[in-house]
Amino acid sequence: QDANVWSRRLTQTDRIVYLVSEDRIEFLQARYHYSDR
């Protein structure tokens, strides 16, 4: 895994993956869970 790519768990099911460079942060993936209706 590239040293500049980070993953953070927001909740037990939700997380984000992002790339950090000198002048920006790029979000590569976001996973989230909709509540059941």
PDB file of N, CA and C in Angstrom:
ATOM      1  N   GLN A   1       0.856  -1.188   0.000  1.00  0.00           N
ATOM      2  CA  GLN A   1       0.000   0.000   0.000  1.00  0.00           C
ATOM      3  C   GLN A   1       0.889   1.233   0.000  1.00  0.00           C
ATOM      4  N   ASP A   2       0.553   2.187  -0.838  1.00  0.00           N
ATOM      5  CA  ASP A   2       1.298   3.442  -0.927  1.00  0.00           C
ATOM      6  C   ASP A   2       1.283   4.149   0.425  1.00  0.00           C
ATOM      7  N   ALA A   3       2.421   4.686   0.816  1.00  0.00           N
ATOM      8  CA  ALA A   3       2.536   5.329   2.129  1.00  0.00           C
ATOM      9  C   ALA A   3       1.641   6.552   2.256  1.00  0.00           C
ATOM     10  N   ASN A   4       1.234   7.163   1.130  1.00  0.00           N
ATOM     11  CA  ASN A   4       0.396   8.355   1.163  1.00  0.00           C
ATOM     12  C   ASN A   4      -1.093   8.042   1.092  1.00  0.00           C
ATOM     13  N   VAL A   5      -1.455   6.777   1.009  1.00  0.00           N
ATOM     14  CA  VAL A   5      -2.864   6.381   0.993  1.00  0.00           C
ATOM     15  C   VAL A   5      -3.244   5.952   2.406  1.00  0.00           C
ATOM     16  N   TRP A   6      -4.307   6.566   2.914  1.00  0.00           N
ATOM     17  CA  TRP A   6      -4.745   6.314   4.283  1.00  0.00           C
ATOM     18  C   TRP A   6      -6.182   5.821   4.294  1.00  0.00           C
ATOM     19  N   SER A   7      -6.507   5.021   5.281  1.00  0.00           N
ATOM     20  CA  SER A   7      -7.867   4.527   5.467  1.00  0.00           C
ATOM     21  C   SER A   7      -8.273   4.818   6.901  1.00  0.00           C
ATOM     22  N   ARG A   8      -9.477   5.331   7.065  1.00  0.00           N
ATOM     23  CA  ARG A   8      -9.993   5.623   8.401  1.00  0.00           C
ATOM     24  C   ARG A   8     -11.381   5.022   8.547  1.00  0.00           C
ATOM     25  N   ARG A   9     -11.569   4.288   9.612  1.00  0.00           N
ATOM     26  CA  ARG A   9     -12.885   3.738   9.908  1.00  0.00           C
ATOM     27  C   ARG A   9     -13.673   4.797  10.666  1.00  0.00           C
ATOM     28  N   LEU A  10     -14.858   5.127  10.139  1.00  0.00           N
ATOM     29  CA  LEU A  10     -15.708   6.133  10.769  1.00  0.00           C
ATOM     30  C   LEU A  10     -16.633   5.503  11.801  1.00  0.00           C
ATOM     31  N   THR A  11     -17.193   4.368  11.419  1.00  0.00           N
ATOM     32  CA  THR A  11     -18.029   3.576  12.322  1.00  0.00           C
ATOM     33  C   THR A  11     -17.667   2.121  12.079  1.00  0.00           C
ATOM     34  N   GLN A  12     -18.413   1.213  12.668  1.00  0.00           N
ATOM     35  CA  GLN A  12     -18.104  -0.205  12.474  1.00  0.00           C
ATOM     36  C   GLN A  12     -18.260  -0.620  11.008  1.00  0.00           C
ATOM     37  N   THR A  13     -19.171   0.015  10.261  1.00  0.00           N
ATOM     38  CA  THR A  13     -19.397  -0.359   8.861  1.00  0.00           C
ATOM     39  C   THR A  13     -18.925   0.690   7.865  1.00  0.00           C
ATOM     40  N   ASP A  14     -18.630   1.897   8.302  1.00  0.00           N
ATOM     41  CA  ASP A  14     -18.298   2.988   7.385  1.00  0.00           C
ATOM     42  C   ASP A  14     -16.815   3.329   7.445  1.00  0.00           C
ATOM     43  N   ARG A  15     -16.217   3.577   6.264  1.00  0.00           N
ATOM     44  CA  ARG A  15     -14.822   3.992   6.238  1.00  0.00           C
ATOM     45  C   ARG A  15     -14.561   4.871   5.027  1.00  0.00           C
ATOM     46  N   ILE A  16     -13.450   5.593   5.059  1.00  0.00           N
ATOM     47  CA  ILE A  16     -13.014   6.387   3.921  1.00  0.00           C
ATOM     48  C   ILE A  16     -11.565   6.026   3.609  1.00  0.00           C
ATOM     49  N   VAL A  17     -11.210   6.124   2.326  1.00  0.00           N
ATOM     50  CA  VAL A  17      -9.837   5.922   1.881  1.00  0.00           C
ATOM     51  C   VAL A  17      -9.450   7.184   1.138  1.00  0.00           C
ATOM     52  N   TYR A  18      -8.301   7.745   1.473  1.00  0.00           N
ATOM     53  CA  TYR A  18      -7.903   8.998   0.849  1.00  0.00           C
ATOM     54  C   TYR A  18      -6.408   9.045   0.601  1.00  0.00           C
ATOM     55  N   LEU A  19      -6.025   9.856  -0.373  1.00  0.00           N
ATOM     56  CA  LEU A  19      -4.637  10.039  -0.783  1.00  0.00           C
ATOM     57  C   LEU A  19      -4.202  11.431  -0.371  1.00  0.00           C
ATOM     58  N   VAL A  20      -3.101  11.521   0.348  1.00  0.00           N
ATOM     59  CA  VAL A  20      -2.588  12.804   0.816  1.00  0.00           C
ATOM     60  C   VAL A  20      -1.364  13.167  -0.007  1.00  0.00           C
ATOM     61  N   SER A  21      -1.405  14.338  -0.650  1.00  0.00           N
ATOM     62  CA  SER A  21      -0.242  14.856  -1.367  1.00  0.00           C
ATOM     63  C   SER A  21       0.112  16.216  -0.778  1.00  0.00           C
ATOM     64  N   GLU A  22       1.113  16.873  -1.344  1.00  0.00           N
ATOM     65  CA  GLU A  22       1.585  18.141  -0.773  1.00  0.00           C
ATOM     66  C   GLU A  22       0.504  19.204  -0.678  1.00  0.00           C
ATOM     67  N   ASP A  23      -0.327  19.319  -1.717  1.00  0.00           N
ATOM     68  CA  ASP A  23      -1.272  20.436  -1.762  1.00  0.00           C
ATOM     69  C   ASP A  23      -2.740  20.028  -1.793  1.00  0.00           C
ATOM     70  N   ARG A  24      -3.023  18.731  -1.602  1.00  0.00           N
ATOM     71  CA  ARG A  24      -4.429  18.322  -1.636  1.00  0.00           C
ATOM     72  C   ARG A  24      -4.654  16.977  -0.968  1.00  0.00           C
ATOM     73  N   ILE A  25      -5.913  16.731  -0.690  1.00  0.00           N
ATOM     74  CA  ILE A  25      -6.374  15.433  -0.200  1.00  0.00           C
ATOM     75  C   ILE A  25      -7.430  14.946  -1.180  1.00  0.00           C
ATOM     76  N   GLU A  26      -7.218  13.756  -1.745  1.00  0.00           N
ATOM     77  CA  GLU A  26      -8.171  13.180  -2.694  1.00  0.00           C
ATOM     78  C   GLU A  26      -8.853  11.986  -2.033  1.00  0.00           C
ATOM     79  N   PHE A  27     -10.172  12.014  -2.027  1.00  0.00           N
ATOM     80  CA  PHE A  27     -10.924  10.893  -1.479  1.00  0.00           C
ATOM     81  C   PHE A  27     -11.063   9.835  -2.558  1.00  0.00           C
ATOM     82  N   LEU A  28     -10.567   8.646  -2.290  1.00  0.00           N
ATOM     83  CA  LEU A  28     -10.556   7.566  -3.268  1.00  0.00           C
ATOM     84  C   LEU A  28     -11.767   6.652  -3.130  1.00  0.00           C
ATOM     85  N   GLN A  29     -12.223   6.491  -1.904  1.00  0.00           N
ATOM     86  CA  GLN A  29     -13.343   5.585  -1.676  1.00  0.00           C
ATOM     87  C   GLN A  29     -14.052   5.988  -0.397  1.00  0.00           C
ATOM     88  N   ALA A  30     -15.351   5.924  -0.438  1.00  0.00           N
ATOM     89  CA  ALA A  30     -16.155   6.146   0.762  1.00  0.00           C
ATOM     90  C   ALA A  30     -17.219   5.060   0.797  1.00  0.00           C
ATOM     91  N   ARG A  31     -17.319   4.402   1.897  1.00  0.00           N
ATOM     92  CA  ARG A  31     -18.344   3.373   2.041  1.00  0.00           C
ATOM     93  C   ARG A  31     -19.232   3.764   3.204  1.00  0.00           C
ATOM     94  N   TYR A  32     -20.516   3.651   2.987  1.00  0.00           N
ATOM     95  CA  TYR A  32     -21.464   4.035   4.025  1.00  0.00           C
ATOM     96  C   TYR A  32     -22.637   3.074   4.008  1.00  0.00           C
ATOM     97  N   HIS A  33     -23.409   3.122   5.050  1.00  0.00           N
ATOM     98  CA  HIS A  33     -24.524   2.196   5.213  1.00  0.00           C
ATOM     99  C   HIS A  33     -25.807   2.998   5.396  1.00  0.00           C
ATOM    100  N   TYR A  34     -26.798   2.732   4.541  1.00  0.00           N
ATOM    101  CA  TYR A  34     -28.103   3.368   4.699  1.00  0.00           C
ATOM    102  C   TYR A  34     -28.890   2.630   5.768  1.00  0.00           C
ATOM    103  N   SER A  35     -29.656   3.365   6.533  1.00  0.00           N
ATOM    104  CA  SER A  35     -30.504   2.703   7.529  1.00  0.00           C
ATOM    105  C   SER A  35     -31.632   1.959   6.817  1.00  0.00           C
ATOM    106  N   ASP A  36     -32.054   0.865   7.400  1.00  0.00           N
ATOM    107  CA  ASP A  36     -33.144   0.075   6.815  1.00  0.00           C
ATOM    108  C   ASP A  36     -34.450   0.840   6.918  1.00  0.00           C
ATOM    109  N   ARG A  37     -35.260   0.726   5.866  1.00  0.00           N
ATOM    110  CA  ARG A  37     -36.558   1.412   5.856  1.00  0.00           C
ATOM    111  C   ARG A  37     -37.655   0.471   6.246  1.00  0.00           C
TER     112      ARG A  37
END
